[in-house]
Amino acid sequence: MQTWKWSFLFILIFVFAWSARRNLLESSLFIKSGINQWDMFIGITGDPFMLLYLILPVTLLLSCLSIRDTHHTSSLIRVQSWQKWVLYSVKNFSPVILVTVILLAITSLIMTAGLPYESSWSSFSKVELTTFNYMSSFSYQSNLSPFAVLIVQLCLLILFFLVMHAVNSAIYLYFVNLLFLGAFSFAVLLYSLISFRYFPDYPSLIAFNYMSFPSSYGTYHQVYPAFICLIGALILSIYGIPLLKKWSLVPIQMWFKNYYPYVIYTMLCLLGIASPQLTLATQSVTVWDTLYLRFYGISPEGSFSLISFLFYVVVTNGFVYLFQVYITDYLSGRFYYMVIRYSSTYRWFASLGSRLGLWAALWLACLMMLTISSGLIFGQSINPLVTVQTNVSMSQIMYHFLINGWLQILNGVLLVFLIAWVFTEVTMGLIALAVLVLAALPMINVGGWLPAGLSSMGYLNGQWEDVLRITGLLLITLLFQLSLILLVIRNKDIAFH
């Protein structure tokens, strides 16, 4: 990487480090205990915001670029095996990791200016464990010297990023596509952020606990477990995963290449259903409480939760996006063959629409059954009661989720179909999806008159009139779009004889 880019990264690290320094100084004042240079070193090199929001995304980006430059025919011929190529890729990327960690250490050293320099632990690390001093406290509890903890922390960071790059390299052997590698790296980043924020009950699954020694020690209460896990993952990535390349995995690779958007969408939906964070800090008593809270989405009353909104967007607009991907490829490929087989664009569209409507209904039914099943697994009652919103009945929840949810999805699907039919640019469909997301926001969809986001459980207020009003609005919009589609497909110039 060029010098000016390293300089820019150093400036960013400095900004994050300055914020971490200020927080540490405020924490020491709050618990009335003095800090020294070791608290600053450990606090900055293990700072979650520094590592998760700056160092990790930058390193993932550089990892993808390094793999792109390393994976070429001459290097593969020279190393003569998949395992050796992954090892070669890791060695080639090691200087980048070392420079990044050194910059982090240098910045930490600069931030110690003005603090007392001592050879032992500070009183800040020796006081009772709190959220303000947990890094220093866990480091002190490890019975290692401050200098040893700092070395262990830097080594753990280096090892974590080596493992991360090795995994990326091994995955790239199977899917030689920079876009796929970027999506995989983004998934790693997303998992790291989500696990840090939402997996407190499962500390061994939190990625950050393998980047920060204090957090690692707080999880295992030993120095070595995190190193054992990372070394095992490194060996598996270099020697185990590439070994499978020799096996006949072509059918699996081809299937995944064709269907990975559907797999990712399904996994996101399952993750949302299993996440306890979508209960809006409310204890669910019945499975209907869980169904209501999981798909709460947005509310016209102004109550807004970003997590609930994002999950609603994933479920509803994710289905629409997958259809857009499908129909764009379909219209540019086998469309003419299929429409000639049906002898009419109307018959072809009727077949497509009926299959699509059936798939949407089945998907919503599956989501409802999975949500109810997850509630039963966690000991919730199946009694037909909604305790978190007493004026809403179970029948209203089921009707709103299945009927209005179905109409909401079909509205989005018909919109992207219409745009894909009229415009050849894929970006127009993406713009339409973005408009649907923005139109669902309560500050834009004032009064709920735009057909976007209306299937959110937040629109339920116990009145059937409002539920049926949403049904009527979605149905009118659906029929209007259907009329437009029938009009435009009639003008398609196709010879059927």
Protein backbone atom coordinates (compact mmCIF):
# COMPACT_ATOMS: atom_id res chain seq x y z
CA MET A 1 0.00 0.00 0.00
CA GLN A 2 1.25 3.48 -0.86
CA THR A 3 2.71 5.72 1.85
CA TRP A 4 -0.07 8.31 1.65
CA LYS A 5 -2.66 5.60 2.25
CA TRP A 6 -0.82 4.43 5.35
CA SER A 7 -0.67 8.05 6.48
CA PHE A 8 -4.41 8.39 6.03
CA LEU A 9 -4.99 5.20 8.01
CA PHE A 10 -2.71 6.51 10.75
CA ILE A 11 -4.80 9.69 10.96
CA LEU A 12 -8.00 7.65 11.30
CA ILE A 13 -6.42 5.48 14.00
CA PHE A 14 -5.31 8.63 15.79
CA VAL A 15 -8.87 10.02 15.78
CA PHE A 16 -10.32 6.78 17.18
CA ALA A 17 -7.50 6.54 19.72
CA TRP A 18 -8.09 10.10 20.91
CA SER A 19 -11.74 9.25 21.55
CA ALA A 20 -10.72 6.09 23.44
CA ARG A 21 -8.22 8.10 25.51
CA ARG A 22 -10.88 10.61 26.47
CA ASN A 23 -13.27 7.82 27.50
CA LEU A 24 -10.56 6.20 29.64
CA LEU A 25 -9.76 9.46 31.40
CA GLU A 26 -13.46 10.06 32.09
CA SER A 27 -13.83 6.50 33.39
CA SER A 28 -10.89 6.93 35.76
CA LEU A 29 -12.45 10.11 37.13
CA PHE A 30 -15.82 8.42 37.51
CA ILE A 31 -14.50 5.53 39.61
CA LYS A 32 -11.91 7.77 41.26
CA SER A 33 -8.86 5.66 40.39
CA GLY A 34 -5.69 6.70 38.62
CA ILE A 35 -4.53 5.19 35.33
CA ASN A 36 -1.06 4.76 33.88
CA GLN A 37 0.42 4.06 30.46
CA TRP A 38 -0.54 0.36 30.54
CA ASP A 39 -4.26 1.16 30.84
CA MET A 40 -3.96 3.41 27.81
CA PHE A 41 -2.00 0.83 25.78
CA ILE A 42 -4.47 -1.95 26.57
CA GLY A 43 -7.53 0.26 26.29
CA ILE A 44 -6.66 1.50 22.80
CA THR A 45 -5.24 -1.70 21.26
CA GLY A 46 -8.29 -3.58 22.54
CA ASP A 47 -10.88 -0.85 22.00
CA PRO A 48 -13.98 -2.43 20.37
CA PHE A 49 -14.86 0.66 18.33
CA MET A 50 -11.30 0.95 17.04
CA LEU A 51 -11.07 -2.71 16.09
CA LEU A 52 -14.60 -3.35 14.80
CA TYR A 53 -15.37 -0.09 13.05
CA LEU A 54 -11.95 0.82 11.65
CA ILE A 55 -9.22 -1.83 11.76
CA LEU A 56 -11.42 -4.81 10.81
CA PRO A 57 -13.16 -3.26 7.76
CA VAL A 58 -9.89 -1.78 6.48
CA THR A 59 -8.08 -5.09 6.89
CA LEU A 60 -10.90 -7.00 5.19
CA LEU A 61 -10.76 -4.61 2.24
CA LEU A 62 -6.99 -4.92 1.95
CA SER A 63 -7.31 -8.70 2.26
CA CYS A 64 -9.68 -8.86 -0.72
CA LEU A 65 -7.40 -6.66 -2.82
CA SER A 66 -4.34 -8.71 -1.86
CA ILE A 67 -6.06 -11.98 -2.81
CA ARG A 68 -7.11 -10.49 -6.14
CA ASP A 69 -3.51 -9.54 -6.92
CA THR A 70 -2.05 -12.81 -5.62
CA HIS A 71 -4.39 -15.26 -7.34
CA HIS A 72 -2.99 -15.64 -10.84
CA THR A 73 -1.80 -18.53 -12.96
CA SER A 74 1.93 -17.97 -12.47
CA SER A 75 1.71 -18.03 -8.66
CA LEU A 76 -0.46 -21.17 -8.72
CA ILE A 77 2.02 -22.92 -11.02
CA ARG A 78 4.95 -21.85 -8.86
CA VAL A 79 3.53 -23.10 -5.54
CA GLN A 80 2.07 -26.28 -7.16
CA SER A 81 -0.73 -26.91 -4.62
CA TRP A 82 -3.79 -25.23 -3.19
CA GLN A 83 -2.48 -25.44 0.38
CA LYS A 84 0.81 -23.81 -0.57
CA TRP A 85 -1.02 -21.04 -2.39
CA VAL A 86 -3.10 -20.19 0.70
CA LEU A 87 0.11 -20.22 2.75
CA TYR A 88 1.77 -18.01 0.13
CA SER A 89 -1.19 -15.63 0.24
CA VAL A 90 -0.99 -15.42 4.03
CA LYS A 91 2.76 -14.72 3.90
CA ASN A 92 2.21 -12.08 1.24
CA PHE A 93 -0.41 -10.32 3.38
CA SER A 94 1.51 -10.58 6.67
CA PRO A 95 3.42 -7.27 6.20
CA VAL A 96 0.12 -5.42 5.83
CA ILE A 97 -1.10 -6.86 9.14
CA LEU A 98 2.18 -6.10 10.87
CA VAL A 99 2.24 -2.48 9.69
CA THR A 100 -1.39 -1.98 10.74
CA VAL A 101 -0.75 -3.36 14.22
CA ILE A 102 2.47 -1.34 14.54
CA LEU A 103 0.58 1.84 13.63
CA LEU A 104 -1.97 0.97 16.30
CA ALA A 105 0.80 0.42 18.87
CA ILE A 106 2.56 3.68 17.94
CA THR A 107 -0.69 5.61 18.26
CA SER A 108 -1.29 4.02 21.66
CA LEU A 109 2.19 5.10 22.73
CA ILE A 110 1.47 8.69 21.67
CA MET A 111 -1.77 8.64 23.67
CA THR A 112 0.15 7.81 26.86
CA ALA A 113 1.63 11.32 26.90
CA GLY A 114 0.94 13.04 30.19
CA LEU A 115 0.24 9.81 32.08
CA PRO A 116 2.47 8.39 34.83
CA TYR A 117 4.88 5.73 33.55
CA GLU A 118 4.97 2.78 35.94
CA SER A 119 6.18 -0.80 35.77
CA SER A 120 3.17 -2.23 37.62
CA TRP A 121 -0.59 -2.21 37.29
CA SER A 122 -2.49 0.96 38.18
CA SER A 123 -5.11 1.35 40.88
CA PHE A 124 -7.62 1.69 38.02
CA SER A 125 -7.04 -1.95 37.07
CA LYS A 126 -7.13 -3.21 40.65
CA VAL A 127 -10.49 -1.80 41.72
CA GLU A 128 -13.69 -3.82 41.48
CA LEU A 129 -14.61 -4.92 37.96
CA THR A 130 -17.05 -2.54 36.23
CA THR A 131 -18.00 -1.68 32.66
CA PHE A 132 -15.63 1.30 32.93
CA ASN A 133 -12.45 -0.69 33.65
CA TYR A 134 -13.17 -4.20 32.43
CA MET A 135 -10.21 -4.25 30.01
CA SER A 136 -7.67 -3.25 32.64
CA SER A 137 -9.36 -5.38 35.30
CA PHE A 138 -9.40 -8.59 33.23
CA SER A 139 -5.80 -7.94 32.21
CA TYR A 140 -4.81 -7.59 35.86
CA GLN A 141 -6.73 -10.77 36.78
CA SER A 142 -4.70 -12.75 34.23
CA ASN A 143 -1.70 -12.56 36.63
CA LEU A 144 0.54 -11.49 33.74
CA SER A 145 2.74 -8.43 33.87
CA PRO A 146 1.46 -5.33 32.03
CA PHE A 147 4.15 -5.66 29.36
CA ALA A 148 3.28 -9.34 28.83
CA VAL A 149 -0.41 -8.48 28.45
CA LEU A 150 0.44 -5.86 25.82
CA ILE A 151 2.55 -8.37 23.85
CA VAL A 152 -0.19 -11.00 24.11
CA GLN A 153 -2.79 -8.47 22.94
CA LEU A 154 -0.75 -7.50 19.86
CA CYS A 155 0.00 -11.15 19.05
CA LEU A 156 -3.69 -12.03 19.36
CA LEU A 157 -4.58 -9.23 16.96
CA ILE A 158 -1.99 -10.36 14.43
CA LEU A 159 -3.14 -13.97 14.68
CA PHE A 160 -6.81 -13.01 14.28
CA PHE A 161 -6.15 -11.08 11.08
CA LEU A 162 -3.95 -13.89 9.73
CA VAL A 163 -6.83 -16.31 10.29
CA MET A 164 -9.26 -13.90 8.66
CA HIS A 165 -7.07 -13.60 5.56
CA ALA A 166 -6.45 -17.36 5.43
CA VAL A 167 -10.20 -18.01 5.49
CA ASN A 168 -10.73 -15.46 2.72
CA SER A 169 -7.99 -17.08 0.64
CA ALA A 170 -9.39 -20.57 1.14
CA ILE A 171 -12.90 -19.45 0.20
CA TYR A 172 -11.53 -17.73 -2.91
CA LEU A 173 -10.21 -21.07 -4.15
CA TYR A 174 -13.78 -22.28 -4.55
CA PHE A 175 -15.42 -19.07 -5.73
CA VAL A 176 -12.96 -17.11 -7.85
CA ASN A 177 -15.05 -13.98 -7.88
CA LEU A 178 -14.06 -10.70 -6.27
CA LEU A 179 -17.71 -9.70 -5.80
CA PHE A 180 -18.43 -12.91 -3.91
CA LEU A 181 -15.29 -12.45 -1.81
CA GLY A 182 -16.40 -8.91 -1.00
CA ALA A 183 -19.85 -10.17 0.01
CA PHE A 184 -18.28 -12.84 2.20
CA SER A 185 -15.98 -10.29 3.85
CA PHE A 186 -18.94 -8.00 4.45
CA ALA A 187 -20.76 -10.94 6.06
CA VAL A 188 -17.74 -11.47 8.35
CA LEU A 189 -17.80 -7.79 9.31
CA LEU A 190 -21.56 -7.86 9.86
CA TYR A 191 -21.31 -10.97 12.02
CA SER A 192 -18.52 -9.39 14.07
CA LEU A 193 -20.63 -6.30 14.72
CA ILE A 194 -23.83 -8.22 15.45
CA SER A 195 -22.18 -10.80 17.69
CA PHE A 196 -20.50 -8.06 19.72
CA ARG A 197 -23.77 -6.22 20.21
CA TYR A 198 -26.34 -9.00 20.49
CA PHE A 199 -24.61 -12.23 21.67
CA PRO A 200 -23.81 -11.43 25.32
CA ASP A 201 -25.16 -14.80 26.46
CA TYR A 202 -22.86 -16.68 24.05
CA PRO A 203 -19.43 -15.08 24.57
CA SER A 204 -17.55 -17.88 22.80
CA LEU A 205 -19.40 -16.94 19.58
CA ILE A 206 -18.41 -13.26 19.75
CA ALA A 207 -15.71 -12.52 17.18
CA PHE A 208 -14.38 -9.57 19.16
CA ASN A 209 -13.42 -11.89 22.02
CA TYR A 210 -10.76 -13.36 19.72
CA MET A 211 -9.36 -9.92 18.88
CA SER A 212 -9.03 -8.49 22.38
CA PHE A 213 -7.08 -10.30 25.10
CA PRO A 214 -9.04 -8.76 28.02
CA SER A 215 -12.33 -9.88 26.46
CA SER A 216 -10.84 -13.28 25.66
CA TYR A 217 -9.68 -13.71 29.24
CA GLY A 218 -13.07 -12.55 30.49
CA THR A 219 -14.67 -15.29 28.40
CA TYR A 220 -12.40 -18.25 29.13
CA HIS A 221 -10.56 -17.08 32.29
CA GLN A 222 -7.40 -18.51 30.75
CA VAL A 223 -4.72 -17.03 28.51
CA TYR A 224 -4.44 -19.76 25.88
CA PRO A 225 -7.99 -20.79 24.70
CA ALA A 226 -8.36 -17.96 22.19
CA PHE A 227 -4.90 -18.74 20.76
CA ILE A 228 -5.76 -22.43 20.46
CA CYS A 229 -9.01 -21.62 18.62
CA LEU A 230 -7.28 -19.21 16.23
CA ILE A 231 -4.31 -21.48 15.55
CA GLY A 232 -6.72 -24.35 14.87
CA ALA A 233 -8.71 -22.16 12.49
CA LEU A 234 -5.48 -21.08 10.77
CA ILE A 235 -4.33 -24.67 10.24
CA LEU A 236 -7.78 -25.66 9.00
CA SER A 237 -7.88 -22.74 6.57
CA ILE A 238 -4.40 -23.41 5.17
CA TYR A 239 -4.40 -27.21 5.04
CA GLY A 240 -7.95 -28.45 5.61
CA ILE A 241 -10.29 -26.36 3.48
CA PRO A 242 -8.01 -26.35 0.37
CA LEU A 243 -7.79 -30.15 0.62
CA LEU A 244 -11.50 -30.35 -0.19
CA LYS A 245 -10.69 -28.65 -3.48
CA LYS A 246 -9.44 -32.02 -4.71
CA TRP A 247 -12.84 -33.58 -4.10
CA SER A 248 -15.69 -33.38 -6.54
CA LEU A 249 -17.47 -30.33 -5.17
CA VAL A 250 -18.36 -28.87 -8.55
CA PRO A 251 -22.12 -29.57 -8.22
CA ILE A 252 -22.21 -27.90 -4.79
CA GLN A 253 -20.22 -24.93 -6.08
CA MET A 254 -22.48 -24.51 -9.09
CA TRP A 255 -25.60 -24.75 -6.94
CA PHE A 256 -24.27 -22.19 -4.47
CA LYS A 257 -23.18 -19.82 -7.23
CA ASN A 258 -26.69 -19.94 -8.67
CA TYR A 259 -28.61 -19.74 -5.40
CA TYR A 260 -26.40 -17.94 -2.88
CA PRO A 261 -28.68 -14.83 -2.81
CA TYR A 262 -31.55 -17.08 -1.71
CA VAL A 263 -29.35 -18.77 0.90
CA ILE A 264 -28.22 -15.41 2.32
CA TYR A 265 -31.80 -14.11 2.38
CA THR A 266 -33.04 -17.22 4.17
CA MET A 267 -30.22 -17.06 6.71
CA LEU A 268 -30.96 -13.39 7.46
CA CYS A 269 -34.63 -14.20 8.02
CA LEU A 270 -33.76 -17.10 10.32
CA LEU A 271 -31.28 -14.93 12.20
CA GLY A 272 -33.95 -12.30 12.73
CA ILE A 273 -36.49 -14.84 13.96
CA ALA A 274 -33.97 -16.26 16.42
CA SER A 275 -32.73 -12.87 17.62
CA PRO A 276 -33.97 -11.79 21.06
CA GLN A 277 -33.26 -8.16 20.16
CA LEU A 278 -36.41 -7.92 18.05
CA THR A 279 -38.64 -8.09 21.13
CA LEU A 280 -38.14 -4.35 21.72
CA ALA A 281 -36.99 -5.03 25.29
CA THR A 282 -40.40 -6.58 26.06
CA GLN A 283 -40.80 -10.04 27.53
CA SER A 284 -42.89 -12.23 25.24
CA VAL A 285 -45.38 -14.41 27.09
CA THR A 286 -47.16 -16.09 24.18
CA VAL A 287 -46.02 -17.10 20.71
CA TRP A 288 -48.33 -14.41 19.32
CA ASP A 289 -46.37 -11.82 21.28
CA THR A 290 -43.26 -13.08 19.52
CA LEU A 291 -44.92 -12.95 16.09
CA TYR A 292 -46.12 -9.41 16.79
CA LEU A 293 -42.74 -8.15 18.01
CA ARG A 294 -40.55 -9.94 15.46
CA PHE A 295 -42.42 -8.33 12.56
CA TYR A 296 -43.26 -5.06 14.31
CA GLY A 297 -41.49 -3.07 11.59
CA ILE A 298 -42.69 0.50 11.96
CA SER A 299 -45.55 2.33 13.61
CA PRO A 300 -47.54 5.35 12.36
CA GLU A 301 -47.59 6.62 15.93
CA GLY A 302 -43.91 7.53 15.74
CA SER A 303 -42.46 4.59 17.67
CA PHE A 304 -39.37 3.56 15.69
CA SER A 305 -36.77 0.85 16.18
CA LEU A 306 -33.99 0.63 13.60
CA ILE A 307 -33.50 -3.11 14.15
CA SER A 308 -37.21 -3.88 13.71
CA PHE A 309 -37.36 -1.71 10.60
CA LEU A 310 -34.29 -3.32 9.04
CA PHE A 311 -35.60 -6.82 9.68
CA TYR A 312 -38.95 -5.89 8.15
CA VAL A 313 -37.12 -4.50 5.10
CA VAL A 314 -35.09 -7.70 4.80
CA VAL A 315 -38.18 -9.93 4.93
CA THR A 316 -40.41 -7.89 2.63
CA ASN A 317 -38.07 -6.10 0.25
CA GLY A 318 -35.61 -8.99 0.31
CA PHE A 319 -38.23 -11.19 -1.36
CA VAL A 320 -38.87 -8.43 -3.90
CA TYR A 321 -35.14 -8.05 -4.57
CA LEU A 322 -34.74 -11.78 -5.23
CA PHE A 323 -37.59 -11.60 -7.72
CA GLN A 324 -35.90 -8.63 -9.40
CA VAL A 325 -32.69 -10.63 -9.78
CA TYR A 326 -34.70 -13.54 -11.21
CA ILE A 327 -36.87 -11.54 -13.61
CA THR A 328 -33.99 -9.44 -14.93
CA ASP A 329 -32.09 -12.58 -15.88
CA TYR A 330 -35.28 -14.22 -17.16
CA LEU A 331 -36.28 -11.38 -19.48
CA SER A 332 -32.80 -11.23 -21.00
CA GLY A 333 -32.56 -14.99 -21.47
CA ARG A 334 -35.23 -17.65 -21.94
CA PHE A 335 -38.23 -15.31 -21.93
CA TYR A 336 -38.91 -15.53 -25.67
CA TYR A 337 -38.74 -19.32 -25.70
CA MET A 338 -41.13 -19.59 -22.76
CA VAL A 339 -43.64 -17.03 -24.02
CA ILE A 340 -43.77 -18.71 -27.43
CA ARG A 341 -44.45 -22.01 -25.69
CA TYR A 342 -47.43 -20.42 -23.91
CA SER A 343 -48.58 -18.85 -27.22
CA SER A 344 -49.57 -15.68 -25.37
CA THR A 345 -47.90 -13.14 -23.12
CA TYR A 346 -51.09 -13.09 -21.03
CA ARG A 347 -50.93 -16.84 -20.40
CA TRP A 348 -47.24 -16.61 -19.63
CA PHE A 349 -47.78 -13.77 -17.16
CA ALA A 350 -50.74 -15.56 -15.55
CA SER A 351 -48.56 -18.62 -14.99
CA LEU A 352 -45.72 -16.53 -13.60
CA GLY A 353 -48.04 -14.53 -11.35
CA SER A 354 -49.81 -17.57 -9.93
CA ARG A 355 -46.53 -19.30 -9.11
CA LEU A 356 -45.16 -16.14 -7.56
CA GLY A 357 -48.27 -15.60 -5.45
CA LEU A 358 -48.12 -19.19 -4.25
CA TRP A 359 -44.43 -18.90 -3.32
CA ALA A 360 -45.07 -15.67 -1.41
CA ALA A 361 -47.95 -17.24 0.52
CA LEU A 362 -45.91 -20.35 1.36
CA TRP A 363 -42.94 -18.24 2.47
CA LEU A 364 -45.08 -16.15 4.82
CA ALA A 365 -46.66 -19.29 6.23
CA CYS A 366 -43.19 -20.78 6.80
CA LEU A 367 -42.01 -17.62 8.56
CA MET A 368 -45.06 -17.67 10.81
CA MET A 369 -44.60 -21.35 11.67
CA LEU A 370 -40.88 -20.85 12.36
CA THR A 371 -41.61 -17.88 14.62
CA ILE A 372 -44.26 -19.80 16.54
CA SER A 373 -41.96 -22.83 16.83
CA SER A 374 -39.10 -20.68 18.17
CA GLY A 375 -41.48 -19.28 20.78
CA LEU A 376 -42.56 -22.75 21.84
CA ILE A 377 -38.94 -23.87 22.10
CA PHE A 378 -38.26 -21.02 24.53
CA GLY A 379 -41.24 -22.00 26.67
CA GLN A 380 -43.82 -19.49 25.50
CA SER A 381 -47.53 -20.23 25.66
CA ILE A 382 -49.65 -20.92 22.58
CA ASN A 383 -52.73 -19.37 24.22
CA PRO A 384 -54.54 -17.05 21.75
CA LEU A 385 -53.52 -13.89 23.63
CA VAL A 386 -51.36 -10.89 22.77
CA THR A 387 -50.09 -9.64 26.11
CA VAL A 388 -47.75 -6.95 24.75
CA GLN A 389 -50.65 -5.22 22.96
CA THR A 390 -53.84 -6.21 24.74
CA ASN A 391 -56.22 -4.48 22.32
CA VAL A 392 -54.88 -6.55 19.39
CA SER A 393 -56.31 -10.03 18.86
CA MET A 394 -54.61 -13.15 17.57
CA SER A 395 -56.91 -13.22 14.53
CA GLN A 396 -55.89 -9.67 13.61
CA ILE A 397 -52.21 -10.60 13.82
CA MET A 398 -52.67 -13.69 11.62
CA TYR A 399 -54.80 -11.82 9.07
CA HIS A 400 -52.44 -8.86 8.93
CA PHE A 401 -49.34 -11.02 8.63
CA LEU A 402 -50.68 -13.44 6.02
CA ILE A 403 -53.13 -11.38 3.94
CA ASN A 404 -51.72 -7.86 4.15
CA GLY A 405 -48.17 -9.24 4.15
CA TRP A 406 -48.95 -11.19 0.98
CA LEU A 407 -50.48 -8.14 -0.71
CA GLN A 408 -47.51 -6.00 0.38
CA ILE A 409 -44.99 -8.39 -1.17
CA LEU A 410 -46.99 -8.71 -4.40
CA ASN A 411 -47.18 -4.92 -4.70
CA GLY A 412 -43.41 -4.72 -4.57
CA VAL A 413 -43.02 -7.62 -6.97
CA LEU A 414 -45.35 -6.10 -9.57
CA LEU A 415 -43.54 -2.78 -9.31
CA VAL A 416 -40.11 -4.26 -10.06
CA PHE A 417 -41.64 -6.42 -12.81
CA LEU A 418 -43.12 -3.34 -14.45
CA ILE A 419 -39.82 -1.50 -14.23
CA ALA A 420 -37.82 -4.50 -15.50
CA TRP A 421 -40.21 -4.79 -18.45
CA VAL A 422 -40.05 -1.11 -19.40
CA PHE A 423 -36.40 -0.38 -18.58
CA THR A 424 -33.39 -2.52 -19.40
CA GLU A 425 -31.12 -1.00 -16.74
CA VAL A 426 -30.86 -3.02 -13.54
CA THR A 427 -30.24 0.18 -11.59
CA MET A 428 -33.84 1.28 -12.18
CA GLY A 429 -35.08 -1.71 -10.23
CA LEU A 430 -32.66 -0.98 -7.40
CA ILE A 431 -33.87 2.62 -7.32
CA ALA A 432 -37.44 1.35 -7.07
CA LEU A 433 -36.47 -0.85 -4.11
CA ALA A 434 -34.79 2.10 -2.43
CA VAL A 435 -37.95 4.17 -2.94
CA LEU A 436 -40.04 1.41 -1.35
CA VAL A 437 -37.75 1.39 1.69
CA LEU A 438 -37.85 5.17 2.10
CA ALA A 439 -41.60 5.36 1.48
CA ALA A 440 -42.17 2.96 4.37
CA LEU A 441 -40.65 5.36 6.90
CA PRO A 442 -43.34 6.91 9.13
CA MET A 443 -42.04 10.44 8.58
CA ILE A 444 -42.64 10.00 4.83
CA ASN A 445 -45.70 7.74 4.80
CA VAL A 446 -47.76 10.07 6.96
CA GLY A 447 -51.25 8.67 7.44
CA GLY A 448 -50.29 5.35 5.85
CA TRP A 449 -51.59 6.23 2.38
CA LEU A 450 -48.52 5.03 0.48
CA PRO A 451 -48.49 1.26 -0.23
CA ALA A 452 -45.18 0.70 1.56
CA GLY A 453 -44.52 -0.76 4.99
CA LEU A 454 -48.23 -1.21 5.68
CA SER A 455 -47.89 -4.87 6.65
CA SER A 456 -45.83 -3.91 9.71
CA MET A 457 -47.36 -5.12 12.97
CA GLY A 458 -46.88 -1.58 14.26
CA TYR A 459 -49.93 -0.55 12.20
CA LEU A 460 -52.20 -2.76 14.31
CA ASN A 461 -54.21 -0.82 16.88
CA GLY A 462 -57.00 -3.28 17.63
CA GLN A 463 -59.46 -1.80 15.12
CA TRP A 464 -60.54 -4.08 12.27
CA GLU A 465 -61.49 -0.99 10.24
CA ASP A 466 -57.84 0.07 10.02
CA VAL A 467 -56.70 -3.45 9.15
CA LEU A 468 -59.26 -3.69 6.34
CA ARG A 469 -58.37 -0.17 5.16
CA ILE A 470 -54.79 -1.37 4.66
CA THR A 471 -56.10 -4.41 2.77
CA GLY A 472 -58.21 -2.18 0.53
CA LEU A 473 -55.35 0.23 -0.19
CA LEU A 474 -52.93 -2.58 -1.03
CA LEU A 475 -55.55 -4.31 -3.18
CA ILE A 476 -56.35 -1.14 -5.13
CA THR A 477 -52.65 -0.49 -5.75
CA LEU A 478 -52.17 -4.11 -6.78
CA LEU A 479 -55.03 -3.96 -9.29
CA PHE A 480 -53.73 -0.66 -10.67
CA GLN A 481 -50.26 -2.10 -11.24
CA LEU A 482 -51.76 -5.24 -12.72
CA SER A 483 -53.73 -3.14 -15.21
CA LEU A 484 -50.58 -1.30 -16.24
CA ILE A 485 -48.69 -4.56 -16.69
CA LEU A 486 -51.43 -6.07 -18.85
CA LEU A 487 -51.36 -2.90 -20.92
CA VAL A 488 -47.60 -2.88 -21.51
CA ILE A 489 -47.18 -6.61 -22.17
CA ARG A 490 -49.92 -6.44 -24.80
CA ASN A 491 -47.70 -4.15 -26.85
CA LYS A 492 -44.75 -6.55 -26.83
CA ASP A 493 -43.92 -7.42 -30.42
CA ILE A 494 -43.66 -11.21 -30.49
CA ALA A 495 -44.42 -13.48 -33.44
CA PHE A 496 -46.26 -16.60 -32.30
CA HIS A 497 -46.39 -18.25 -35.72
